[in-house]
Amino acid sequence: MPFPVIDLKFRARYAETDQMGVIYYSNYLVWFEMGRAEYCRQMGFSYASLETDGYRLMVADVHCRYKSPARYDDTIRVETTIRELKKKTLTFDYKVFNDATERLLAQGYTKHVCTNHEQKLVRLPDTFVQCMTQFPHDSPKQ
C-alpha cells in the first residue's frame, strides 16, 4: 500500500549551525522528528494522544545519509512518508531538501517499536493504524 508524502517547510535557524556555518549534522534527526510529528498530525493522529493512551513509539534504528550542506536561513523542506507499517513496528522515510534550489540535502529513515509505559513491546493501537492507513487518496501529496 503506498502511503502519502507529507511536506513540512521551515527556515534553518542560526542556532542550528556549526563553526563552519553549516547546519550541524544532528539537527537533521530533529528535522526527521518534526516531519514525523507533522505527518501524524496531517493523518489525523497526534503523538500526544498516543502517549496519553499509554503507548510509546521508541526509535529502534535510525539512518541519515548526508548529501549537501544546509546553511542558516535556507528554506528547508522535509518530505516524510511511511515505508513500512507492521503490527508492532513502523518505519518512516525522510528526504530533506533546500526548498529554493530543490537540492537534496539528506535522506534517511527511523524505525520505531511500539511499547507500553513499562517499555514492553506491544501492538500498535488500532486507532493509530486506522489513521495511518485510511487516508483520503486525494488529500496529501502522493
N, C-alpha and C. Protein backbone atom coordinates (compact mmCIF):
# COMPACT_ATOMS: atom_id res chain seq x y z
N MET A 1 0.85 -1.18 0.00
CA MET A 1 0.00 0.00 0.00
C MET A 1 0.89 1.24 0.00
N PRO A 2 0.73 2.11 -0.98
CA PRO A 2 1.52 3.36 -0.96
C PRO A 2 0.95 4.33 0.07
N PHE A 3 1.84 4.93 0.80
CA PHE A 3 1.45 5.94 1.79
C PHE A 3 1.71 7.32 1.22
N PRO A 4 0.97 8.32 1.65
CA PRO A 4 1.19 9.68 1.13
C PRO A 4 2.52 10.25 1.61
N VAL A 5 2.98 11.25 0.90
CA VAL A 5 4.16 12.02 1.29
C VAL A 5 3.65 13.34 1.84
N ILE A 6 4.10 13.69 3.03
CA ILE A 6 3.69 14.93 3.68
C ILE A 6 4.90 15.85 3.75
N ASP A 7 4.73 17.10 3.35
CA ASP A 7 5.80 18.10 3.37
C ASP A 7 5.70 18.98 4.61
N LEU A 8 6.86 19.35 5.12
CA LEU A 8 6.97 20.33 6.20
C LEU A 8 8.04 21.32 5.77
N LYS A 9 7.71 22.62 5.79
CA LYS A 9 8.67 23.66 5.41
C LYS A 9 8.95 24.57 6.59
N PHE A 10 10.22 25.01 6.69
CA PHE A 10 10.64 25.93 7.76
C PHE A 10 12.00 26.51 7.36
N ARG A 11 12.44 27.50 8.11
CA ARG A 11 13.75 28.11 7.87
C ARG A 11 14.78 27.55 8.84
N ALA A 12 15.96 27.28 8.33
CA ALA A 12 17.05 26.82 9.19
C ALA A 12 17.46 27.97 10.11
N ARG A 13 17.60 27.66 11.38
CA ARG A 13 17.92 28.68 12.38
C ARG A 13 19.43 28.81 12.58
N TYR A 14 19.85 29.99 12.96
CA TYR A 14 21.27 30.25 13.22
C TYR A 14 21.79 29.32 14.30
N ALA A 15 20.98 29.05 15.32
CA ALA A 15 21.39 28.17 16.43
C ALA A 15 21.68 26.75 15.96
N GLU A 16 21.22 26.38 14.77
CA GLU A 16 21.44 25.03 14.25
C GLU A 16 22.75 24.89 13.48
N THR A 17 23.48 25.99 13.30
CA THR A 17 24.72 25.93 12.53
C THR A 17 25.92 25.58 13.41
N ASP A 18 26.96 25.08 12.77
CA ASP A 18 28.20 24.77 13.48
C ASP A 18 29.24 25.85 13.18
N GLN A 19 30.45 25.62 13.63
CA GLN A 19 31.52 26.60 13.46
C GLN A 19 31.84 26.87 11.99
N MET A 20 31.51 25.94 11.11
CA MET A 20 31.77 26.11 9.68
C MET A 20 30.64 26.84 8.97
N GLY A 21 29.58 27.18 9.72
CA GLY A 21 28.47 27.91 9.12
C GLY A 21 27.44 27.04 8.42
N VAL A 22 27.52 25.74 8.62
CA VAL A 22 26.53 24.84 8.04
C VAL A 22 25.71 24.21 9.17
N ILE A 23 24.58 23.66 8.79
CA ILE A 23 23.71 23.03 9.78
C ILE A 23 24.43 21.82 10.37
N TYR A 24 24.49 21.78 11.69
CA TYR A 24 25.14 20.69 12.41
C TYR A 24 24.40 19.39 12.15
N TYR A 25 25.13 18.31 11.96
CA TYR A 25 24.57 17.05 11.47
C TYR A 25 23.43 16.49 12.32
N SER A 26 23.50 16.63 13.64
CA SER A 26 22.45 16.03 14.49
C SER A 26 21.10 16.73 14.34
N ASN A 27 21.10 17.94 13.83
CA ASN A 27 19.83 18.65 13.64
C ASN A 27 18.94 17.98 12.60
N TYR A 28 19.53 17.22 11.68
CA TYR A 28 18.72 16.51 10.70
C TYR A 28 17.81 15.49 11.38
N LEU A 29 18.29 14.88 12.47
CA LEU A 29 17.44 13.93 13.20
C LEU A 29 16.28 14.65 13.88
N VAL A 30 16.53 15.87 14.35
CA VAL A 30 15.45 16.70 14.90
C VAL A 30 14.46 17.03 13.79
N TRP A 31 14.95 17.35 12.62
CA TRP A 31 14.07 17.65 11.49
C TRP A 31 13.26 16.42 11.08
N PHE A 32 13.87 15.22 11.17
CA PHE A 32 13.11 13.99 10.92
C PHE A 32 11.94 13.92 11.90
N GLU A 33 12.21 14.19 13.17
CA GLU A 33 11.16 14.12 14.19
C GLU A 33 10.06 15.16 13.92
N MET A 34 10.44 16.34 13.48
CA MET A 34 9.46 17.36 13.13
C MET A 34 8.58 16.88 11.97
N GLY A 35 9.20 16.27 10.97
CA GLY A 35 8.45 15.73 9.84
C GLY A 35 7.52 14.62 10.25
N ARG A 36 7.99 13.75 11.14
CA ARG A 36 7.19 12.63 11.63
C ARG A 36 5.96 13.13 12.41
N ALA A 37 6.17 14.13 13.27
CA ALA A 37 5.06 14.69 14.05
C ALA A 37 4.03 15.34 13.12
N GLU A 38 4.50 16.07 12.12
CA GLU A 38 3.59 16.71 11.17
C GLU A 38 2.85 15.66 10.34
N TYR A 39 3.54 14.60 9.96
CA TYR A 39 2.91 13.51 9.22
C TYR A 39 1.72 12.96 10.01
N CYS A 40 1.97 12.63 11.27
CA CYS A 40 0.91 12.08 12.12
C CYS A 40 -0.25 13.08 12.26
N ARG A 41 0.07 14.36 12.46
CA ARG A 41 -0.97 15.39 12.59
C ARG A 41 -1.86 15.42 11.35
N GLN A 42 -1.21 15.47 10.18
CA GLN A 42 -1.98 15.58 8.94
C GLN A 42 -2.76 14.31 8.63
N MET A 43 -2.34 13.20 9.19
CA MET A 43 -3.07 11.95 9.01
C MET A 43 -4.17 11.79 10.05
N GLY A 44 -4.29 12.78 10.94
CA GLY A 44 -5.39 12.78 11.90
C GLY A 44 -5.06 12.19 13.25
N PHE A 45 -3.78 12.11 13.60
CA PHE A 45 -3.39 11.48 14.85
C PHE A 45 -2.28 12.29 15.51
N SER A 46 -2.42 12.55 16.79
CA SER A 46 -1.35 13.28 17.48
C SER A 46 -0.55 12.33 18.35
N TYR A 47 0.75 12.54 18.38
CA TYR A 47 1.63 11.71 19.20
C TYR A 47 1.26 11.86 20.67
N ALA A 48 0.82 13.04 21.07
CA ALA A 48 0.42 13.27 22.46
C ALA A 48 -0.72 12.34 22.86
N SER A 49 -1.68 12.12 21.96
CA SER A 49 -2.79 11.21 22.28
C SER A 49 -2.31 9.77 22.39
N LEU A 50 -1.30 9.41 21.62
CA LEU A 50 -0.72 8.07 21.71
C LEU A 50 -0.13 7.86 23.11
N GLU A 51 0.60 8.85 23.58
CA GLU A 51 1.19 8.76 24.92
C GLU A 51 0.12 8.76 26.02
N THR A 52 -0.90 9.58 25.85
CA THR A 52 -1.99 9.63 26.83
C THR A 52 -2.65 8.25 26.97
N ASP A 53 -2.72 7.53 25.86
CA ASP A 53 -3.32 6.19 25.87
C ASP A 53 -2.35 5.11 26.36
N GLY A 54 -1.12 5.51 26.74
CA GLY A 54 -0.17 4.57 27.32
C GLY A 54 0.81 3.93 26.35
N TYR A 55 0.93 4.46 25.15
CA TYR A 55 1.83 3.90 24.15
C TYR A 55 3.02 4.82 23.91
N ARG A 56 4.12 4.24 23.46
CA ARG A 56 5.30 4.99 23.07
C ARG A 56 5.80 4.42 21.74
N LEU A 57 6.31 5.27 20.89
CA LEU A 57 6.99 4.82 19.67
C LEU A 57 8.48 5.07 19.87
N MET A 58 9.18 4.04 20.31
CA MET A 58 10.60 4.17 20.60
C MET A 58 11.42 3.98 19.33
N VAL A 59 12.43 4.80 19.16
CA VAL A 59 13.32 4.66 18.00
C VAL A 59 14.21 3.45 18.23
N ALA A 60 14.16 2.51 17.30
CA ALA A 60 14.98 1.30 17.37
C ALA A 60 16.15 1.36 16.40
N ASP A 61 16.00 2.14 15.33
CA ASP A 61 17.04 2.24 14.32
C ASP A 61 16.88 3.58 13.62
N VAL A 62 18.00 4.21 13.30
CA VAL A 62 17.97 5.47 12.57
C VAL A 62 19.14 5.49 11.59
N HIS A 63 18.89 6.08 10.44
CA HIS A 63 19.95 6.23 9.44
C HIS A 63 19.76 7.57 8.74
N CYS A 64 20.86 8.25 8.51
CA CYS A 64 20.83 9.51 7.76
C CYS A 64 22.03 9.56 6.84
N ARG A 65 21.77 9.79 5.57
CA ARG A 65 22.83 9.94 4.56
C ARG A 65 22.84 11.40 4.14
N TYR A 66 23.96 12.07 4.40
CA TYR A 66 24.09 13.50 4.10
C TYR A 66 24.59 13.67 2.67
N LYS A 67 23.93 14.56 1.93
CA LYS A 67 24.24 14.75 0.52
C LYS A 67 24.85 16.12 0.22
N SER A 68 24.34 17.16 0.89
CA SER A 68 24.76 18.53 0.61
C SER A 68 24.46 19.37 1.84
N PRO A 69 25.28 20.37 2.13
CA PRO A 69 25.06 21.15 3.36
C PRO A 69 23.90 22.14 3.26
N ALA A 70 23.25 22.33 4.39
CA ALA A 70 22.25 23.39 4.54
C ALA A 70 22.90 24.50 5.36
N ARG A 71 22.43 25.72 5.18
CA ARG A 71 23.01 26.87 5.86
C ARG A 71 21.91 27.69 6.53
N TYR A 72 22.34 28.55 7.40
CA TYR A 72 21.42 29.44 8.11
C TYR A 72 20.47 30.14 7.13
N ASP A 73 19.21 30.18 7.48
CA ASP A 73 18.14 30.88 6.78
C ASP A 73 17.71 30.21 5.47
N ASP A 74 18.29 29.06 5.13
CA ASP A 74 17.77 28.30 3.99
C ASP A 74 16.34 27.86 4.32
N THR A 75 15.50 27.84 3.30
CA THR A 75 14.18 27.26 3.47
C THR A 75 14.31 25.76 3.28
N ILE A 76 13.94 25.03 4.30
CA ILE A 76 14.10 23.58 4.32
C ILE A 76 12.73 22.93 4.10
N ARG A 77 12.72 21.85 3.33
CA ARG A 77 11.51 21.06 3.15
C ARG A 77 11.83 19.61 3.52
N VAL A 78 11.07 19.08 4.45
CA VAL A 78 11.22 17.68 4.84
C VAL A 78 10.02 16.92 4.28
N GLU A 79 10.31 15.94 3.44
CA GLU A 79 9.26 15.05 2.92
C GLU A 79 9.29 13.79 3.77
N THR A 80 8.12 13.44 4.31
CA THR A 80 8.01 12.27 5.19
C THR A 80 6.95 11.33 4.65
N THR A 81 7.24 10.05 4.71
CA THR A 81 6.27 9.03 4.35
C THR A 81 6.52 7.79 5.21
N ILE A 82 5.59 6.88 5.17
CA ILE A 82 5.76 5.60 5.86
C ILE A 82 6.28 4.59 4.85
N ARG A 83 7.36 3.95 5.19
CA ARG A 83 7.91 2.88 4.35
C ARG A 83 7.23 1.55 4.67
N GLU A 84 7.06 1.31 5.98
CA GLU A 84 6.54 0.01 6.40
C GLU A 84 5.75 0.15 7.70
N LEU A 85 4.60 -0.47 7.73
CA LEU A 85 3.74 -0.47 8.91
C LEU A 85 3.39 -1.92 9.22
N LYS A 86 3.92 -2.41 10.35
CA LYS A 86 3.66 -3.78 10.78
C LYS A 86 2.86 -3.75 12.08
N LYS A 87 2.65 -4.91 12.68
CA LYS A 87 1.84 -4.99 13.89
C LYS A 87 2.46 -4.24 15.06
N LYS A 88 3.79 -4.31 15.20
CA LYS A 88 4.46 -3.71 16.35
C LYS A 88 5.53 -2.70 15.97
N THR A 89 5.78 -2.54 14.68
CA THR A 89 6.83 -1.62 14.23
C THR A 89 6.34 -0.73 13.11
N LEU A 90 7.06 0.37 12.94
CA LEU A 90 6.71 1.39 11.96
C LEU A 90 8.00 2.04 11.49
N THR A 91 8.18 2.17 10.17
CA THR A 91 9.36 2.81 9.63
C THR A 91 8.96 4.00 8.77
N PHE A 92 9.54 5.17 9.09
CA PHE A 92 9.32 6.39 8.33
C PHE A 92 10.54 6.65 7.45
N ASP A 93 10.31 7.14 6.25
CA ASP A 93 11.37 7.61 5.35
C ASP A 93 11.32 9.12 5.27
N TYR A 94 12.49 9.73 5.12
CA TYR A 94 12.60 11.19 5.06
C TYR A 94 13.52 11.60 3.92
N LYS A 95 13.17 12.70 3.28
CA LYS A 95 14.06 13.39 2.35
C LYS A 95 14.05 14.86 2.76
N VAL A 96 15.24 15.43 2.89
CA VAL A 96 15.38 16.83 3.29
C VAL A 96 15.94 17.60 2.10
N PHE A 97 15.24 18.66 1.71
CA PHE A 97 15.61 19.46 0.55
C PHE A 97 15.84 20.92 0.93
N ASN A 98 16.69 21.59 0.17
CA ASN A 98 16.68 23.04 0.15
C ASN A 98 15.50 23.38 -0.75
N ASP A 99 14.48 24.00 -0.19
CA ASP A 99 13.25 24.20 -0.95
C ASP A 99 13.43 25.15 -2.13
N ALA A 100 14.32 26.12 -2.01
CA ALA A 100 14.52 27.09 -3.09
C ALA A 100 15.24 26.47 -4.29
N THR A 101 16.21 25.60 -4.02
CA THR A 101 17.02 25.03 -5.11
C THR A 101 16.61 23.61 -5.48
N GLU A 102 15.74 22.98 -4.66
CA GLU A 102 15.33 21.59 -4.83
C GLU A 102 16.49 20.61 -4.64
N ARG A 103 17.60 21.09 -4.12
CA ARG A 103 18.75 20.22 -3.88
C ARG A 103 18.48 19.29 -2.70
N LEU A 104 18.74 17.99 -2.90
CA LEU A 104 18.60 17.01 -1.83
C LEU A 104 19.75 17.20 -0.85
N LEU A 105 19.41 17.44 0.42
CA LEU A 105 20.41 17.67 1.46
C LEU A 105 20.72 16.41 2.23
N ALA A 106 19.70 15.62 2.51
CA ALA A 106 19.89 14.38 3.27
C ALA A 106 18.67 13.49 3.07
N GLN A 107 18.88 12.22 3.33
CA GLN A 107 17.76 11.29 3.31
C GLN A 107 18.04 10.20 4.33
N GLY A 108 16.95 9.63 4.86
CA GLY A 108 17.14 8.60 5.86
C GLY A 108 15.83 8.00 6.31
N TYR A 109 15.92 7.28 7.42
CA TYR A 109 14.73 6.64 7.97
C TYR A 109 14.86 6.52 9.48
N THR A 110 13.72 6.31 10.12
CA THR A 110 13.67 5.93 11.53
C THR A 110 12.73 4.75 11.64
N LYS A 111 13.16 3.72 12.37
CA LYS A 111 12.31 2.57 12.64
C LYS A 111 11.92 2.64 14.11
N HIS A 112 10.63 2.46 14.38
CA HIS A 112 10.09 2.59 15.72
C HIS A 112 9.44 1.29 16.15
N VAL A 113 9.56 0.98 17.44
CA VAL A 113 8.83 -0.13 18.03
C VAL A 113 7.80 0.45 18.98
N CYS A 114 6.65 -0.18 19.03
CA CYS A 114 5.58 0.29 19.91
C CYS A 114 5.72 -0.40 21.26
N THR A 115 5.74 0.39 22.32
CA THR A 115 5.82 -0.16 23.67
C THR A 115 4.72 0.46 24.54
N ASN A 116 4.51 -0.18 25.68
CA ASN A 116 3.62 0.41 26.67
C ASN A 116 4.45 1.28 27.61
N HIS A 117 3.83 1.81 28.65
CA HIS A 117 4.56 2.70 29.56
C HIS A 117 5.64 1.98 30.36
N GLU A 118 5.59 0.64 30.37
CA GLU A 118 6.62 -0.16 31.04
C GLU A 118 7.73 -0.58 30.08
N GLN A 119 7.69 -0.05 28.87
CA GLN A 119 8.65 -0.31 27.80
C GLN A 119 8.64 -1.76 27.33
N LYS A 120 7.47 -2.40 27.40
CA LYS A 120 7.29 -3.74 26.87
C LYS A 120 6.68 -3.63 25.47
N LEU A 121 7.19 -4.43 24.57
CA LEU A 121 6.74 -4.42 23.19
C LEU A 121 5.26 -4.80 23.11
N VAL A 122 4.47 -3.96 22.41
CA VAL A 122 3.03 -4.20 22.23
C VAL A 122 2.65 -3.88 20.79
N ARG A 123 1.45 -4.27 20.41
CA ARG A 123 0.93 -3.95 19.07
C ARG A 123 0.63 -2.46 18.98
N LEU A 124 0.77 -1.92 17.79
CA LEU A 124 0.34 -0.55 17.55
C LEU A 124 -1.16 -0.47 17.78
N PRO A 125 -1.64 0.58 18.42
CA PRO A 125 -3.09 0.68 18.67
C PRO A 125 -3.88 0.78 17.36
N ASP A 126 -5.05 0.17 17.35
CA ASP A 126 -5.90 0.15 16.16
C ASP A 126 -6.22 1.56 15.67
N THR A 127 -6.48 2.49 16.59
CA THR A 127 -6.83 3.86 16.17
C THR A 127 -5.67 4.50 15.40
N PHE A 128 -4.44 4.24 15.83
CA PHE A 128 -3.27 4.77 15.13
C PHE A 128 -3.15 4.15 13.74
N VAL A 129 -3.26 2.84 13.67
CA VAL A 129 -3.14 2.13 12.38
C VAL A 129 -4.22 2.60 11.42
N GLN A 130 -5.45 2.78 11.92
CA GLN A 130 -6.54 3.24 11.06
C GLN A 130 -6.25 4.63 10.49
N CYS A 131 -5.75 5.52 11.32
CA CYS A 131 -5.42 6.87 10.83
C CYS A 131 -4.33 6.83 9.77
N MET A 132 -3.36 5.96 9.96
CA MET A 132 -2.24 5.89 9.02
C MET A 132 -2.61 5.19 7.71
N THR A 133 -3.65 4.37 7.72
CA THR A 133 -3.99 3.58 6.53
C THR A 133 -5.29 3.99 5.86
N GLN A 134 -6.16 4.75 6.52
CA GLN A 134 -7.44 5.13 5.93
C GLN A 134 -7.45 6.60 5.57
N PHE A 135 -6.43 7.03 4.87
CA PHE A 135 -6.33 8.42 4.47
C PHE A 135 -7.12 8.64 3.18
N PRO A 136 -7.57 9.88 2.99
CA PRO A 136 -8.21 10.20 1.70
C PRO A 136 -7.15 10.17 0.60
N HIS A 137 -7.43 9.49 -0.46
CA HIS A 137 -6.44 9.32 -1.53
C HIS A 137 -6.17 10.59 -2.33
N ASP A 138 -7.00 11.61 -2.18
CA ASP A 138 -6.78 12.83 -2.96
C ASP A 138 -6.30 14.00 -2.10
N SER A 139 -6.06 13.79 -0.82
CA SER A 139 -5.64 14.90 0.05
C SER A 139 -4.14 15.13 0.04
N PRO A 140 -3.38 14.38 0.88
CA PRO A 140 -1.94 14.65 0.91
C PRO A 140 -1.29 14.32 -0.42
N LYS A 141 -0.13 14.94 -0.63
CA LYS A 141 0.65 14.71 -1.85
C LYS A 141 0.99 13.23 -1.96
N GLN A 142 0.73 12.64 -3.09
CA GLN A 142 1.03 11.22 -3.31
C GLN A 142 2.39 11.04 -3.93
